[in-house]
């Protein structure tokens, strides 16, 4: 965010300088003064912040749907003892935000969750989250591998593909996901010079 704020400050400074130079000429129409940096918070304008607050206040998924999403997300990216899984990264909360921010995902997600429960009821007489782990895995094995799935499972395959994509996006854009990837960002380092074996290869050396 600091980098974004810096870029915003530079662009606003350029606009301000341009306006200051043109206002001296009476025949040049005045331009609107750009918003001050104080109008932005964490790189977002007041309108963007208001929209975020509106989205956060809304609820889309039911408690049952969120529970199902959490179980699915943890199957896709489970905790492994060293790194947290999807639940620790709040993937379900991320998906809740995304479907409100990008409404085109609402019908595929809700329809997919309904399909999953219906398929489980047909096979196991229980909804997905009520099934024991073995049955949940048996269900997911039927839709997690598109190349092996039966034609009648096509809706479930499409749903699980979307669920997998959203889970991965939510996970790998969090601190938990960054740690899993080993991503540390830009950090200063110390250069110790050309490696000794390379110096020897070319008959070179550093003086004392």
N, C-alpha and C. Protein backbone atom coordinates (compact mmCIF):
# COMPACT_ATOMS: atom_id res chain seq x y z
N UNK A 1 0.82 -1.20 0.00
CA UNK A 1 0.00 0.00 0.00
C UNK A 1 0.86 1.26 0.00
N UNK A 2 2.02 1.21 0.67
CA UNK A 2 2.86 2.38 0.70
C UNK A 2 3.34 2.74 -0.70
N UNK A 3 3.66 1.70 -1.49
CA UNK A 3 4.11 1.94 -2.86
C UNK A 3 2.98 2.57 -3.66
N UNK A 4 1.76 2.09 -3.48
CA UNK A 4 0.63 2.64 -4.20
C UNK A 4 0.42 4.10 -3.80
N UNK A 5 0.54 4.40 -2.49
CA UNK A 5 0.38 5.77 -2.02
C UNK A 5 1.43 6.68 -2.64
N UNK A 6 2.67 6.18 -2.75
CA UNK A 6 3.74 6.97 -3.33
C UNK A 6 3.44 7.30 -4.79
N UNK A 7 3.00 6.29 -5.55
CA UNK A 7 2.67 6.52 -6.95
C UNK A 7 1.51 7.49 -7.08
N UNK A 8 0.54 7.36 -6.18
CA UNK A 8 -0.60 8.28 -6.21
C UNK A 8 -0.15 9.70 -5.93
N UNK A 9 0.77 9.85 -4.95
CA UNK A 9 1.27 11.17 -4.61
C UNK A 9 2.01 11.80 -5.80
N UNK A 10 2.80 10.99 -6.50
CA UNK A 10 3.53 11.50 -7.67
C UNK A 10 2.58 11.95 -8.76
N UNK A 11 1.53 11.15 -9.01
CA UNK A 11 0.59 11.50 -10.07
C UNK A 11 -0.21 12.74 -9.70
N UNK A 12 -0.60 12.82 -8.41
CA UNK A 12 -1.35 14.00 -7.96
C UNK A 12 -0.48 15.24 -8.01
N UNK A 13 0.80 15.09 -7.67
CA UNK A 13 1.72 16.22 -7.73
C UNK A 13 1.87 16.74 -9.14
N UNK A 14 1.93 15.84 -10.10
CA UNK A 14 2.04 16.23 -11.51
C UNK A 14 0.79 16.98 -11.96
N UNK A 15 -0.37 16.48 -11.56
CA UNK A 15 -1.61 17.15 -11.92
C UNK A 15 -1.70 18.54 -11.30
N UNK A 16 -1.27 18.65 -10.03
CA UNK A 16 -1.32 19.93 -9.34
C UNK A 16 -0.41 20.94 -10.02
N UNK A 17 0.79 20.51 -10.39
CA UNK A 17 1.72 21.40 -11.07
C UNK A 17 1.16 21.88 -12.40
N UNK A 18 0.50 21.00 -13.12
CA UNK A 18 -0.09 21.35 -14.40
C UNK A 18 -1.18 22.39 -14.23
N UNK A 19 -2.01 22.18 -13.21
CA UNK A 19 -3.10 23.12 -12.95
C UNK A 19 -2.55 24.47 -12.57
N UNK A 20 -1.53 24.49 -11.71
CA UNK A 20 -0.94 25.75 -11.25
C UNK A 20 -0.38 26.53 -12.43
N UNK A 21 0.19 25.84 -13.41
CA UNK A 21 0.78 26.51 -14.56
C UNK A 21 -0.25 27.07 -15.51
N UNK A 22 -1.38 26.43 -15.62
CA UNK A 22 -2.39 26.87 -16.58
C UNK A 22 -3.32 27.92 -16.02
N UNK A 23 -3.47 27.99 -14.71
CA UNK A 23 -4.40 28.96 -14.14
C UNK A 23 -3.91 30.39 -14.30
N UNK A 24 -2.64 30.56 -14.61
CA UNK A 24 -2.11 31.90 -14.78
C UNK A 24 -2.62 32.53 -16.07
N UNK A 25 -3.15 31.74 -16.99
CA UNK A 25 -3.66 32.25 -18.26
C UNK A 25 -5.17 32.36 -18.18
N UNK A 26 -5.68 33.56 -18.36
CA UNK A 26 -7.10 33.82 -18.20
C UNK A 26 -7.94 33.08 -19.24
N UNK A 27 -7.32 32.81 -20.41
CA UNK A 27 -8.10 32.19 -21.47
C UNK A 27 -8.14 30.67 -21.39
N UNK A 28 -7.48 30.10 -20.38
CA UNK A 28 -7.47 28.64 -20.21
C UNK A 28 -8.45 28.26 -19.11
N UNK A 29 -9.43 27.42 -19.42
CA UNK A 29 -10.43 27.02 -18.40
C UNK A 29 -9.75 26.35 -17.21
N UNK A 30 -10.25 26.63 -16.03
CA UNK A 30 -9.71 26.01 -14.82
C UNK A 30 -10.08 24.55 -14.77
N UNK A 31 -9.14 23.74 -14.32
CA UNK A 31 -9.39 22.31 -14.18
C UNK A 31 -9.79 22.00 -12.74
N UNK A 32 -10.50 20.93 -12.58
CA UNK A 32 -10.92 20.53 -11.23
C UNK A 32 -9.68 20.15 -10.42
N UNK A 33 -9.64 20.60 -9.16
CA UNK A 33 -8.52 20.27 -8.28
C UNK A 33 -8.62 18.81 -7.87
N UNK A 34 -7.55 18.05 -8.07
CA UNK A 34 -7.60 16.62 -7.70
C UNK A 34 -7.74 16.46 -6.19
N UNK A 35 -8.23 15.34 -5.76
CA UNK A 35 -8.38 15.13 -4.31
C UNK A 35 -7.03 15.12 -3.62
N UNK A 36 -7.04 15.55 -2.38
CA UNK A 36 -5.82 15.56 -1.58
C UNK A 36 -5.48 14.15 -1.14
N UNK A 37 -4.19 13.92 -0.85
CA UNK A 37 -3.79 12.61 -0.34
C UNK A 37 -4.52 12.27 0.95
N UNK A 38 -4.92 13.30 1.69
CA UNK A 38 -5.62 13.05 2.95
C UNK A 38 -7.00 12.43 2.71
N UNK A 39 -7.47 12.50 1.45
CA UNK A 39 -8.76 11.90 1.12
C UNK A 39 -8.66 10.40 0.92
N UNK A 40 -7.44 9.87 0.90
CA UNK A 40 -7.24 8.45 0.66
C UNK A 40 -6.78 7.75 1.94
N UNK A 41 -7.22 6.53 2.10
CA UNK A 41 -6.83 5.73 3.24
C UNK A 41 -6.45 4.34 2.73
N UNK A 42 -5.24 3.93 3.06
CA UNK A 42 -4.72 2.64 2.57
C UNK A 42 -4.83 2.53 1.06
N UNK A 43 -4.59 3.68 0.39
CA UNK A 43 -4.59 3.68 -1.07
C UNK A 43 -5.97 3.69 -1.69
N UNK A 44 -7.04 3.85 -0.89
CA UNK A 44 -8.40 3.82 -1.41
C UNK A 44 -9.09 5.16 -1.18
N UNK A 45 -9.93 5.53 -2.14
CA UNK A 45 -10.69 6.77 -2.02
C UNK A 45 -11.86 6.57 -1.08
N UNK A 46 -12.51 7.67 -0.72
CA UNK A 46 -13.67 7.59 0.18
C UNK A 46 -14.77 6.75 -0.45
N UNK A 47 -14.95 6.88 -1.77
CA UNK A 47 -15.99 6.10 -2.45
C UNK A 47 -15.66 4.61 -2.40
N UNK A 48 -14.38 4.27 -2.59
CA UNK A 48 -13.97 2.86 -2.54
C UNK A 48 -14.15 2.31 -1.14
N UNK A 49 -13.80 3.09 -0.13
CA UNK A 49 -13.95 2.64 1.25
C UNK A 49 -15.42 2.45 1.61
N UNK A 50 -16.26 3.35 1.11
CA UNK A 50 -17.70 3.23 1.37
C UNK A 50 -18.26 1.97 0.73
N UNK A 51 -17.78 1.66 -0.48
CA UNK A 51 -18.24 0.45 -1.16
C UNK A 51 -17.79 -0.80 -0.40
N UNK A 52 -16.53 -0.79 0.08
CA UNK A 52 -16.04 -1.92 0.85
C UNK A 52 -16.88 -2.14 2.11
N UNK A 53 -17.22 -1.03 2.78
CA UNK A 53 -18.02 -1.12 4.01
C UNK A 53 -19.41 -1.67 3.70
N UNK A 54 -19.99 -1.26 2.57
CA UNK A 54 -21.32 -1.75 2.18
C UNK A 54 -21.27 -3.25 1.91
N UNK A 55 -20.23 -3.69 1.20
CA UNK A 55 -20.10 -5.11 0.89
C UNK A 55 -19.90 -5.92 2.17
N UNK A 56 -19.08 -5.40 3.09
CA UNK A 56 -18.80 -6.10 4.34
C UNK A 56 -20.05 -6.25 5.19
N UNK A 57 -20.96 -5.27 5.09
CA UNK A 57 -22.18 -5.30 5.91
C UNK A 57 -23.22 -6.27 5.36
N UNK A 58 -23.09 -6.64 4.09
CA UNK A 58 -24.05 -7.56 3.47
C UNK A 58 -23.68 -9.01 3.76
N UNK A 59 -24.66 -9.88 3.75
CA UNK A 59 -24.43 -11.31 3.91
C UNK A 59 -25.01 -12.03 2.70
N UNK A 60 -24.23 -12.92 2.11
CA UNK A 60 -24.73 -13.69 0.96
C UNK A 60 -24.95 -15.15 1.33
N UNK A 61 -23.89 -15.82 1.73
CA UNK A 61 -24.01 -17.24 2.05
C UNK A 61 -24.73 -17.47 3.37
N UNK A 62 -25.47 -18.56 3.45
CA UNK A 62 -26.06 -18.97 4.71
C UNK A 62 -24.97 -19.62 5.57
N UNK A 63 -25.28 -19.85 6.84
CA UNK A 63 -24.31 -20.50 7.72
C UNK A 63 -23.97 -21.90 7.22
N UNK A 64 -24.96 -22.61 6.71
CA UNK A 64 -24.71 -23.96 6.18
C UNK A 64 -23.80 -23.89 4.95
N UNK A 65 -24.04 -22.93 4.08
CA UNK A 65 -23.21 -22.78 2.89
C UNK A 65 -21.77 -22.44 3.26
N UNK A 66 -21.60 -21.55 4.23
CA UNK A 66 -20.24 -21.19 4.67
C UNK A 66 -19.53 -22.38 5.30
N UNK A 67 -20.28 -23.17 6.06
CA UNK A 67 -19.69 -24.37 6.66
C UNK A 67 -19.21 -25.32 5.57
N UNK A 68 -20.02 -25.48 4.54
CA UNK A 68 -19.64 -26.36 3.43
C UNK A 68 -18.41 -25.83 2.71
N UNK A 69 -18.36 -24.51 2.50
CA UNK A 69 -17.21 -23.89 1.84
C UNK A 69 -15.94 -24.11 2.66
N UNK A 70 -16.04 -23.99 3.97
CA UNK A 70 -14.86 -24.19 4.83
C UNK A 70 -14.34 -25.63 4.72
N UNK A 71 -15.27 -26.59 4.73
CA UNK A 71 -14.86 -27.99 4.63
C UNK A 71 -14.20 -28.25 3.28
N UNK A 72 -14.80 -27.76 2.22
CA UNK A 72 -14.24 -27.93 0.88
C UNK A 72 -12.87 -27.27 0.76
N UNK A 73 -12.76 -26.05 1.26
CA UNK A 73 -11.49 -25.32 1.16
C UNK A 73 -10.38 -26.04 1.90
N UNK A 74 -10.70 -26.65 3.04
CA UNK A 74 -9.68 -27.38 3.80
C UNK A 74 -9.29 -28.69 3.13
N UNK A 75 -10.18 -29.25 2.31
CA UNK A 75 -9.78 -30.42 1.52
C UNK A 75 -8.83 -29.98 0.41
N UNK A 76 -9.08 -28.81 -0.15
CA UNK A 76 -8.25 -28.31 -1.26
C UNK A 76 -6.88 -27.88 -0.76
N UNK A 77 -6.83 -27.11 0.34
CA UNK A 77 -5.55 -26.68 0.94
C UNK A 77 -5.63 -26.94 2.44
N UNK A 78 -5.24 -28.13 2.87
CA UNK A 78 -5.29 -28.46 4.31
C UNK A 78 -4.06 -27.93 5.04
N UNK A 79 -4.19 -27.79 6.35
CA UNK A 79 -3.02 -27.48 7.17
C UNK A 79 -2.12 -28.70 7.17
N UNK A 80 -0.80 -28.47 7.21
CA UNK A 80 0.12 -29.62 7.13
C UNK A 80 1.04 -29.74 8.34
N UNK A 81 0.70 -29.06 9.43
CA UNK A 81 1.53 -29.14 10.62
C UNK A 81 2.55 -28.02 10.68
N UNK A 82 3.00 -27.56 9.51
CA UNK A 82 3.97 -26.46 9.45
C UNK A 82 3.29 -25.17 9.02
N UNK A 83 2.37 -25.29 8.09
CA UNK A 83 1.67 -24.11 7.58
C UNK A 83 0.17 -24.28 7.78
N UNK A 84 -0.49 -23.17 8.04
CA UNK A 84 -1.94 -23.22 8.21
C UNK A 84 -2.63 -23.52 6.90
N UNK A 85 -3.85 -24.01 6.99
CA UNK A 85 -4.62 -24.34 5.81
C UNK A 85 -5.57 -23.22 5.43
N UNK A 86 -6.57 -23.58 4.62
CA UNK A 86 -7.50 -22.59 4.11
C UNK A 86 -8.29 -21.89 5.22
N UNK A 87 -8.66 -22.64 6.26
CA UNK A 87 -9.42 -22.03 7.35
C UNK A 87 -8.61 -20.97 8.06
N UNK A 88 -7.33 -21.27 8.32
CA UNK A 88 -6.46 -20.29 8.99
C UNK A 88 -6.28 -19.04 8.13
N UNK A 89 -6.33 -19.20 6.83
CA UNK A 89 -6.17 -18.06 5.92
C UNK A 89 -7.49 -17.34 5.66
N UNK A 90 -8.56 -17.80 6.32
CA UNK A 90 -9.89 -17.18 6.17
C UNK A 90 -10.36 -17.19 4.72
N UNK A 91 -10.17 -18.31 4.06
CA UNK A 91 -10.58 -18.43 2.66
C UNK A 91 -12.10 -18.30 2.50
N UNK A 92 -12.87 -18.86 3.43
CA UNK A 92 -14.33 -18.77 3.33
C UNK A 92 -14.78 -17.31 3.36
N UNK A 93 -14.14 -16.51 4.24
CA UNK A 93 -14.48 -15.09 4.32
C UNK A 93 -14.10 -14.37 3.02
N UNK A 94 -12.99 -14.79 2.43
CA UNK A 94 -12.57 -14.21 1.15
C UNK A 94 -13.60 -14.52 0.07
N UNK A 95 -14.07 -15.76 0.01
CA UNK A 95 -15.04 -16.14 -1.01
C UNK A 95 -16.36 -15.40 -0.79
N UNK A 96 -16.74 -15.23 0.47
CA UNK A 96 -17.95 -14.45 0.79
C UNK A 96 -17.82 -13.03 0.23
N UNK A 97 -16.64 -12.43 0.36
CA UNK A 97 -16.42 -11.08 -0.17
C UNK A 97 -16.45 -11.09 -1.70
N UNK A 98 -15.78 -12.07 -2.29
CA UNK A 98 -15.66 -12.11 -3.75
C UNK A 98 -17.02 -12.21 -4.43
N UNK A 99 -17.91 -13.06 -3.92
CA UNK A 99 -19.19 -13.23 -4.60
C UNK A 99 -20.05 -11.98 -4.49
N UNK A 100 -19.79 -11.13 -3.49
CA UNK A 100 -20.50 -9.86 -3.40
C UNK A 100 -19.83 -8.80 -4.27
N UNK A 101 -18.51 -8.86 -4.35
CA UNK A 101 -17.76 -7.93 -5.18
C UNK A 101 -17.89 -8.26 -6.66
N UNK A 102 -18.02 -9.56 -6.97
CA UNK A 102 -18.15 -10.03 -8.35
C UNK A 102 -19.39 -10.92 -8.43
N UNK A 103 -20.57 -10.33 -8.56
CA UNK A 103 -21.83 -11.07 -8.48
C UNK A 103 -21.98 -12.20 -9.49
N UNK A 104 -21.17 -12.20 -10.55
CA UNK A 104 -21.29 -13.29 -11.53
C UNK A 104 -20.95 -14.64 -10.93
N UNK A 105 -20.29 -14.64 -9.76
CA UNK A 105 -19.95 -15.91 -9.10
C UNK A 105 -21.06 -16.41 -8.18
N UNK A 106 -22.07 -15.60 -7.94
CA UNK A 106 -23.09 -15.96 -6.95
C UNK A 106 -23.90 -17.20 -7.36
N UNK A 107 -24.43 -17.18 -8.57
CA UNK A 107 -25.24 -18.32 -9.02
C UNK A 107 -24.42 -19.60 -9.16
N UNK A 108 -23.21 -19.55 -9.79
CA UNK A 108 -22.41 -20.78 -9.87
C UNK A 108 -22.04 -21.34 -8.50
N UNK A 109 -21.74 -20.46 -7.53
CA UNK A 109 -21.36 -20.95 -6.20
C UNK A 109 -22.57 -21.52 -5.46
N UNK A 110 -23.65 -20.77 -5.42
CA UNK A 110 -24.82 -21.26 -4.70
C UNK A 110 -25.41 -22.49 -5.37
N UNK A 111 -25.46 -22.47 -6.69
CA UNK A 111 -25.97 -23.63 -7.41
C UNK A 111 -25.08 -24.84 -7.23
N UNK A 112 -23.77 -24.61 -7.18
CA UNK A 112 -22.83 -25.72 -6.99
C UNK A 112 -22.93 -26.33 -5.61
N UNK A 113 -23.11 -25.49 -4.60
CA UNK A 113 -23.28 -26.00 -3.24
C UNK A 113 -24.55 -26.83 -3.12
N UNK A 114 -25.61 -26.35 -3.77
CA UNK A 114 -26.87 -27.09 -3.76
C UNK A 114 -26.70 -28.42 -4.50
N UNK A 115 -25.99 -28.39 -5.63
CA UNK A 115 -25.75 -29.62 -6.38
C UNK A 115 -24.99 -30.63 -5.52
N UNK A 116 -23.98 -30.15 -4.80
CA UNK A 116 -23.16 -31.03 -3.97
C UNK A 116 -24.01 -31.70 -2.90
N UNK A 117 -24.85 -30.93 -2.22
CA UNK A 117 -25.70 -31.51 -1.18
C UNK A 117 -26.70 -32.51 -1.79
N UNK A 118 -27.26 -32.16 -2.93
CA UNK A 118 -28.23 -33.05 -3.57
C UNK A 118 -27.58 -34.36 -3.98
N UNK A 119 -26.37 -34.27 -4.55
CA UNK A 119 -25.66 -35.49 -4.97
C UNK A 119 -25.33 -36.37 -3.77
N UNK A 120 -24.95 -35.75 -2.65
CA UNK A 120 -24.61 -36.52 -1.45
C UNK A 120 -25.86 -37.18 -0.86
N UNK A 121 -26.98 -36.47 -0.88
CA UNK A 121 -28.22 -37.04 -0.36
C UNK A 121 -28.61 -38.26 -1.19
N UNK A 122 -28.43 -38.17 -2.52
CA UNK A 122 -28.76 -39.30 -3.40
C UNK A 122 -27.88 -40.51 -3.11
N UNK A 123 -26.59 -40.24 -2.86
CA UNK A 123 -25.65 -41.35 -2.67
C UNK A 123 -25.55 -41.83 -1.23
N UNK A 124 -25.62 -40.88 -0.29
CA UNK A 124 -25.35 -41.23 1.10
C UNK A 124 -26.47 -40.87 2.07
N UNK A 125 -27.57 -40.30 1.54
CA UNK A 125 -28.74 -39.92 2.34
C UNK A 125 -28.39 -38.82 3.35
N UNK A 126 -27.32 -38.07 3.10
CA UNK A 126 -26.93 -36.97 3.98
C UNK A 126 -26.33 -35.85 3.14
N UNK A 127 -26.45 -34.63 3.65
CA UNK A 127 -25.79 -33.52 2.98
C UNK A 127 -24.28 -33.63 3.19
N UNK A 128 -23.53 -32.92 2.38
CA UNK A 128 -22.07 -33.09 2.35
C UNK A 128 -21.42 -32.97 3.72
N UNK A 129 -21.70 -31.88 4.46
CA UNK A 129 -21.01 -31.68 5.73
C UNK A 129 -21.42 -32.70 6.78
N UNK A 130 -22.57 -33.35 6.60
CA UNK A 130 -23.03 -34.36 7.56
C UNK A 130 -22.45 -35.74 7.26
N UNK A 131 -21.85 -35.88 6.10
CA UNK A 131 -21.27 -37.17 5.74
C UNK A 131 -19.94 -37.39 6.46
N UNK A 132 -19.59 -38.63 6.78
CA UNK A 132 -18.27 -38.91 7.35
C UNK A 132 -17.19 -38.60 6.31
N UNK A 133 -15.96 -38.44 6.78
CA UNK A 133 -14.86 -38.04 5.90
C UNK A 133 -14.70 -38.96 4.70
N UNK A 134 -14.83 -40.24 4.89
CA UNK A 134 -14.65 -41.19 3.79
C UNK A 134 -15.65 -40.94 2.67
N UNK A 135 -16.90 -40.65 3.03
CA UNK A 135 -17.91 -40.38 2.03
C UNK A 135 -17.69 -39.03 1.36
N UNK A 136 -17.23 -38.04 2.14
CA UNK A 136 -16.92 -36.74 1.54
C UNK A 136 -15.83 -36.88 0.48
N UNK A 137 -14.79 -37.63 0.81
CA UNK A 137 -13.70 -37.84 -0.14
C UNK A 137 -14.19 -38.62 -1.35
N UNK A 138 -15.05 -39.60 -1.12
CA UNK A 138 -15.62 -40.38 -2.23
C UNK A 138 -16.39 -39.47 -3.17
N UNK A 139 -17.12 -38.51 -2.61
CA UNK A 139 -17.87 -37.56 -3.42
C UNK A 139 -16.94 -36.66 -4.22
N UNK A 140 -15.93 -36.14 -3.55
CA UNK A 140 -15.01 -35.22 -4.21
C UNK A 140 -14.19 -35.92 -5.28
N UNK A 141 -13.88 -37.19 -5.09
CA UNK A 141 -13.14 -37.93 -6.11
C UNK A 141 -13.91 -38.00 -7.43
N UNK A 142 -15.23 -37.84 -7.35
CA UNK A 142 -16.05 -37.93 -8.56
C UNK A 142 -16.09 -36.62 -9.35
N UNK A 143 -15.65 -35.51 -8.73
CA UNK A 143 -15.74 -34.21 -9.41
C UNK A 143 -14.41 -33.45 -9.43
N UNK A 144 -13.40 -33.94 -8.73
CA UNK A 144 -12.14 -33.20 -8.63
C UNK A 144 -11.20 -33.44 -9.80
N UNK A 145 -11.48 -34.45 -10.60
CA UNK A 145 -10.60 -34.80 -11.72
C UNK A 145 -11.41 -34.75 -13.02
N UNK A 146 -11.44 -33.61 -13.69
CA UNK A 146 -12.30 -33.43 -14.87
C UNK A 146 -12.12 -34.50 -15.93
N UNK A 147 -10.90 -34.95 -16.16
CA UNK A 147 -10.66 -35.94 -17.20
C UNK A 147 -11.23 -37.31 -16.89
N UNK A 148 -11.52 -37.55 -15.61
CA UNK A 148 -12.02 -38.86 -15.20
C UNK A 148 -13.50 -38.83 -14.82
N UNK A 149 -14.08 -37.65 -14.75
CA UNK A 149 -15.45 -37.52 -14.26
C UNK A 149 -16.47 -38.02 -15.29
N UNK A 150 -17.55 -38.56 -14.80
CA UNK A 150 -18.63 -39.02 -15.66
C UNK A 150 -19.41 -37.81 -16.17
N UNK A 151 -20.04 -37.93 -17.34
CA UNK A 151 -20.78 -36.80 -17.92
C UNK A 151 -21.83 -36.23 -16.98
N UNK A 152 -22.50 -37.07 -16.22
CA UNK A 152 -23.55 -36.58 -15.32
C UNK A 152 -23.00 -35.78 -14.14
N UNK A 153 -21.68 -35.79 -14.01
CA UNK A 153 -21.05 -35.02 -12.93
C UNK A 153 -20.52 -33.68 -13.43
N UNK A 154 -20.86 -33.28 -14.64
CA UNK A 154 -20.28 -32.07 -15.24
C UNK A 154 -20.57 -30.81 -14.42
N UNK A 155 -21.76 -30.70 -13.85
CA UNK A 155 -22.08 -29.51 -13.05
C UNK A 155 -21.22 -29.49 -11.78
N UNK A 156 -21.03 -30.66 -11.19
CA UNK A 156 -20.18 -30.73 -10.01
C UNK A 156 -18.74 -30.43 -10.33
N UNK A 157 -18.27 -30.87 -11.51
CA UNK A 157 -16.90 -30.58 -11.94
C UNK A 157 -16.71 -29.08 -12.10
N UNK A 158 -17.66 -28.42 -12.76
CA UNK A 158 -17.57 -26.97 -12.96
C UNK A 158 -17.55 -26.24 -11.63
N UNK A 159 -18.39 -26.67 -10.70
CA UNK A 159 -18.42 -26.04 -9.38
C UNK A 159 -17.11 -26.23 -8.65
N UNK A 160 -16.60 -27.46 -8.66
CA UNK A 160 -15.37 -27.71 -7.92
C UNK A 160 -14.18 -26.97 -8.54
N UNK A 161 -14.16 -26.83 -9.85
CA UNK A 161 -13.11 -26.04 -10.49
C UNK A 161 -13.14 -24.59 -9.99
N UNK A 162 -14.34 -24.02 -9.92
CA UNK A 162 -14.48 -22.65 -9.42
C UNK A 162 -14.07 -22.57 -7.96
N UNK A 163 -14.51 -23.53 -7.17
CA UNK A 163 -14.18 -23.56 -5.75
C UNK A 163 -12.68 -23.67 -5.55
N UNK A 164 -12.02 -24.49 -6.34
CA UNK A 164 -10.58 -24.68 -6.23
C UNK A 164 -9.84 -23.38 -6.61
N UNK A 165 -10.30 -22.72 -7.68
CA UNK A 165 -9.66 -21.48 -8.11
C UNK A 165 -9.80 -20.38 -7.06
N UNK A 166 -11.00 -20.24 -6.51
CA UNK A 166 -11.23 -19.21 -5.49
C UNK A 166 -10.44 -19.51 -4.22
N UNK A 167 -10.36 -20.79 -3.86
CA UNK A 167 -9.60 -21.17 -2.67
C UNK A 167 -8.12 -20.84 -2.84
N UNK A 168 -7.56 -21.19 -3.98
CA UNK A 168 -6.15 -20.91 -4.23
C UNK A 168 -5.88 -19.41 -4.24
N UNK A 169 -6.77 -18.65 -4.87
CA UNK A 169 -6.61 -17.19 -4.91
C UNK A 169 -6.67 -16.61 -3.51
N UNK A 170 -7.67 -17.04 -2.74
CA UNK A 170 -7.80 -16.52 -1.38
C UNK A 170 -6.62 -16.89 -0.50
N UNK A 171 -6.14 -18.12 -0.63
CA UNK A 171 -5.06 -18.60 0.23
C UNK A 171 -3.74 -17.91 -0.10
N UNK A 172 -3.40 -17.86 -1.37
CA UNK A 172 -2.08 -17.35 -1.74
C UNK A 172 -2.01 -15.83 -1.86
N UNK A 173 -3.02 -15.14 -1.36
CA UNK A 173 -2.95 -13.69 -1.24
C UNK A 173 -3.03 -13.27 0.23
N UNK A 174 -2.69 -14.20 1.13
CA UNK A 174 -2.68 -13.90 2.56
C UNK A 174 -1.29 -14.14 3.13
N UNK A 175 -1.09 -13.69 4.35
CA UNK A 175 0.20 -13.90 5.01
C UNK A 175 0.50 -15.39 5.16
N UNK A 176 -0.54 -16.18 5.46
CA UNK A 176 -0.36 -17.63 5.59
C UNK A 176 0.15 -18.21 4.28
N UNK A 177 -0.48 -17.81 3.18
CA UNK A 177 -0.07 -18.31 1.88
C UNK A 177 1.32 -17.85 1.48
N UNK A 178 1.67 -16.60 1.82
CA UNK A 178 3.01 -16.08 1.52
C UNK A 178 4.08 -16.93 2.23
N UNK A 179 3.79 -17.27 3.49
CA UNK A 179 4.76 -18.08 4.24
C UNK A 179 4.91 -19.46 3.60
N UNK A 180 3.81 -20.01 3.14
CA UNK A 180 3.87 -21.32 2.49
C UNK A 180 4.75 -21.26 1.24
N UNK A 181 4.63 -20.17 0.48
CA UNK A 181 5.42 -20.01 -0.74
C UNK A 181 6.87 -19.62 -0.46
N UNK A 182 7.14 -19.17 0.77
CA UNK A 182 8.47 -18.69 1.09
C UNK A 182 8.72 -17.29 0.56
N UNK A 183 7.64 -16.58 0.24
CA UNK A 183 7.77 -15.23 -0.31
C UNK A 183 8.07 -14.24 0.82
N UNK A 184 9.12 -13.47 0.69
CA UNK A 184 9.51 -12.52 1.74
C UNK A 184 9.48 -11.08 1.24
N UNK A 185 9.18 -10.87 -0.03
CA UNK A 185 9.13 -9.51 -0.54
C UNK A 185 10.52 -8.95 -0.80
N UNK A 186 10.59 -7.67 -1.04
CA UNK A 186 11.86 -7.00 -1.30
C UNK A 186 12.61 -6.75 0.01
N UNK A 187 13.81 -7.27 0.10
CA UNK A 187 14.63 -7.08 1.29
C UNK A 187 16.05 -6.74 0.89
N UNK A 188 16.72 -5.85 1.66
CA UNK A 188 18.12 -5.55 1.35
C UNK A 188 19.00 -6.76 1.65
N UNK A 189 20.04 -6.93 0.88
CA UNK A 189 20.96 -8.02 1.16
C UNK A 189 22.41 -7.54 1.00
N UNK A 190 23.32 -8.35 1.42
CA UNK A 190 24.74 -8.02 1.32
C UNK A 190 25.37 -8.89 0.24
N UNK A 191 26.10 -8.26 -0.70
CA UNK A 191 26.74 -9.01 -1.77
C UNK A 191 28.17 -9.31 -1.35
N UNK A 192 28.52 -10.58 -1.34
CA UNK A 192 29.85 -10.98 -0.89
C UNK A 192 30.85 -11.08 -2.04
N UNK A 193 30.45 -10.62 -3.19
CA UNK A 193 31.36 -10.65 -4.32
C UNK A 193 31.20 -11.90 -5.17
N UNK A 194 32.03 -12.01 -6.19
CA UNK A 194 31.99 -13.16 -7.09
C UNK A 194 32.39 -14.41 -6.32
N UNK A 195 31.66 -15.50 -6.48
CA UNK A 195 32.00 -16.74 -5.77
C UNK A 195 33.43 -17.19 -6.07
N UNK A 196 34.07 -17.81 -5.09
CA UNK A 196 35.47 -18.21 -5.21
C UNK A 196 35.70 -19.15 -6.39
N UNK A 197 34.78 -20.08 -6.63
CA UNK A 197 34.98 -21.03 -7.72
C UNK A 197 34.94 -20.36 -9.08
N UNK A 198 34.15 -19.29 -9.20
CA UNK A 198 34.09 -18.55 -10.46
C UNK A 198 35.39 -17.75 -10.66
N UNK A 199 35.90 -17.16 -9.58
CA UNK A 199 37.17 -16.44 -9.68
C UNK A 199 38.29 -17.37 -10.14
N UNK A 200 38.33 -18.57 -9.56
CA UNK A 200 39.38 -19.52 -9.94
C UNK A 200 39.24 -19.95 -11.39
N UNK A 201 37.99 -20.09 -11.86
CA UNK A 201 37.75 -20.50 -13.23
C UNK A 201 38.39 -19.54 -14.23
N UNK A 202 38.41 -18.25 -13.87
CA UNK A 202 38.95 -17.24 -14.78
C UNK A 202 40.32 -16.73 -14.32
N UNK A 203 40.93 -17.41 -13.36
CA UNK A 203 42.24 -17.02 -12.90
C UNK A 203 42.29 -15.67 -12.25
N UNK A 204 41.26 -15.33 -11.53
CA UNK A 204 41.19 -14.03 -10.89
C UNK A 204 41.09 -14.20 -9.38
N UNK A 205 41.35 -13.11 -8.67
CA UNK A 205 41.22 -13.13 -7.20
C UNK A 205 41.09 -11.72 -6.72
N UNK A 206 40.54 -11.59 -5.53
CA UNK A 206 40.46 -10.27 -4.91
C UNK A 206 41.76 -10.00 -4.17
N UNK A 207 42.27 -8.74 -4.22
CA UNK A 207 43.46 -8.43 -3.45
C UNK A 207 43.07 -8.27 -1.98
N UNK A 208 44.02 -8.22 -1.12
CA UNK A 208 43.73 -8.17 0.32
C UNK A 208 43.04 -6.88 0.71
